[in-house]
Amino acid sequence: MARFQLDIPERSLREIEKLMLDTDTSTKKDLINNAITLLKWAVRQRQQGRVLCSYSESGGILRELEMPILQRVAPEGGQEGVNTG
């Protein structure tokens, strides 16, 4: 098993601790593992040419997720746009 350590600003640590409270997550390791799972899923979606959005059921509004790291993911086969299939 590998171990890694990082230095982060105090503000970032408070944000992590707030996320842990909001999600009832007991360890930073568990929070990071969940964050990695979500990022891996998002990368796969972008590779498939999908746009990641949130949907407001009450207003029917779509809001695209804007993350620089996902903008760097190239769709496989040059696909672009939303795939509804």
Protein backbone atom coordinates (compact mmCIF):
# COMPACT_ATOMS: atom_id res chain seq x y z
CA MET A 1 0.00 0.00 0.00
CA ALA A 2 1.29 3.47 -0.88
CA ARG A 3 0.96 6.55 1.27
CA PHE A 4 0.73 10.14 0.17
CA GLN A 5 0.75 13.40 1.98
CA LEU A 6 -0.11 16.88 0.79
CA ASP A 7 0.01 20.38 2.12
CA ILE A 8 -3.12 22.45 1.59
CA PRO A 9 -4.24 25.87 2.75
CA GLU A 10 -6.27 26.00 5.97
CA ARG A 11 -9.29 27.22 3.95
CA SER A 12 -9.19 24.08 1.78
CA LEU A 13 -9.03 21.90 4.88
CA ARG A 14 -12.14 23.62 6.24
CA GLU A 15 -13.90 22.99 2.91
CA ILE A 16 -12.97 19.31 3.09
CA GLU A 17 -14.23 19.07 6.66
CA LYS A 18 -17.50 20.78 5.66
CA LEU A 19 -17.94 18.30 2.80
CA MET A 20 -17.34 15.48 5.26
CA LEU A 21 -20.08 16.84 7.52
CA ASP A 22 -22.48 17.45 4.62
CA THR A 23 -22.01 13.89 3.34
CA ASP A 24 -21.71 12.13 6.70
CA THR A 25 -18.26 10.88 5.70
CA SER A 26 -16.09 9.78 8.61
CA THR A 27 -12.61 9.87 7.05
CA LYS A 28 -10.72 12.03 4.59
CA LYS A 29 -9.66 8.83 2.84
CA ASP A 30 -13.31 7.94 2.19
CA LEU A 31 -14.06 11.45 0.94
CA ILE A 32 -11.07 11.37 -1.45
CA ASN A 33 -11.99 7.89 -2.72
CA ASN A 34 -15.52 9.12 -3.48
CA ALA A 35 -14.17 12.23 -5.20
CA ILE A 36 -11.90 10.07 -7.38
CA THR A 37 -14.83 7.80 -8.28
CA LEU A 38 -16.88 10.82 -9.35
CA LEU A 39 -14.00 12.29 -11.38
CA LYS A 40 -13.35 8.95 -13.12
CA TRP A 41 -17.03 8.78 -14.10
CA ALA A 42 -16.97 12.38 -15.37
CA VAL A 43 -13.85 11.71 -17.46
CA ARG A 44 -15.48 8.61 -19.02
CA GLN A 45 -18.57 10.66 -19.88
CA ARG A 46 -16.44 13.33 -21.59
CA GLN A 47 -14.50 10.64 -23.46
CA GLN A 48 -17.85 9.42 -24.80
CA GLY A 49 -18.62 12.93 -26.09
CA ARG A 50 -21.12 13.76 -23.37
CA VAL A 51 -21.65 17.13 -21.69
CA LEU A 52 -22.06 16.94 -17.91
CA CYS A 53 -25.02 18.87 -16.55
CA SER A 54 -27.25 19.20 -13.55
CA TYR A 55 -31.00 19.38 -14.03
CA SER A 56 -33.46 21.35 -11.96
CA GLU A 57 -36.68 19.35 -11.88
CA SER A 58 -38.68 22.30 -10.59
CA GLY A 59 -37.54 24.71 -13.30
CA GLY A 60 -36.48 22.34 -16.03
CA ILE A 61 -33.14 24.14 -16.19
CA LEU A 62 -29.92 22.47 -17.34
CA ARG A 63 -26.63 23.80 -16.03
CA GLU A 64 -23.38 22.57 -17.55
CA LEU A 65 -20.58 21.54 -15.21
CA GLU A 66 -17.58 23.78 -15.74
CA MET A 67 -14.30 22.23 -14.62
CA PRO A 68 -11.01 23.01 -16.37
CA ILE A 69 -9.78 19.44 -15.81
CA LEU A 70 -12.75 18.07 -17.79
CA GLN A 71 -12.26 20.58 -20.59
CA ARG A 72 -8.87 18.94 -21.20
CA VAL A 73 -10.46 15.51 -21.80
CA ALA A 74 -10.71 14.76 -25.51
CA PRO A 75 -13.71 12.78 -26.68
CA GLU A 76 -12.75 9.42 -28.21
CA GLY A 77 -13.13 9.37 -31.97
CA GLY A 78 -13.61 13.13 -32.12
CA GLN A 79 -17.22 12.98 -30.91
CA GLU A 80 -18.71 16.25 -29.72
CA GLY A 81 -21.98 17.29 -28.19
CA VAL A 82 -24.66 15.55 -26.19
CA ASN A 83 -25.30 11.87 -26.72
CA THR A 84 -28.89 11.05 -25.76
CA GLY A 85 -28.63 7.34 -26.51
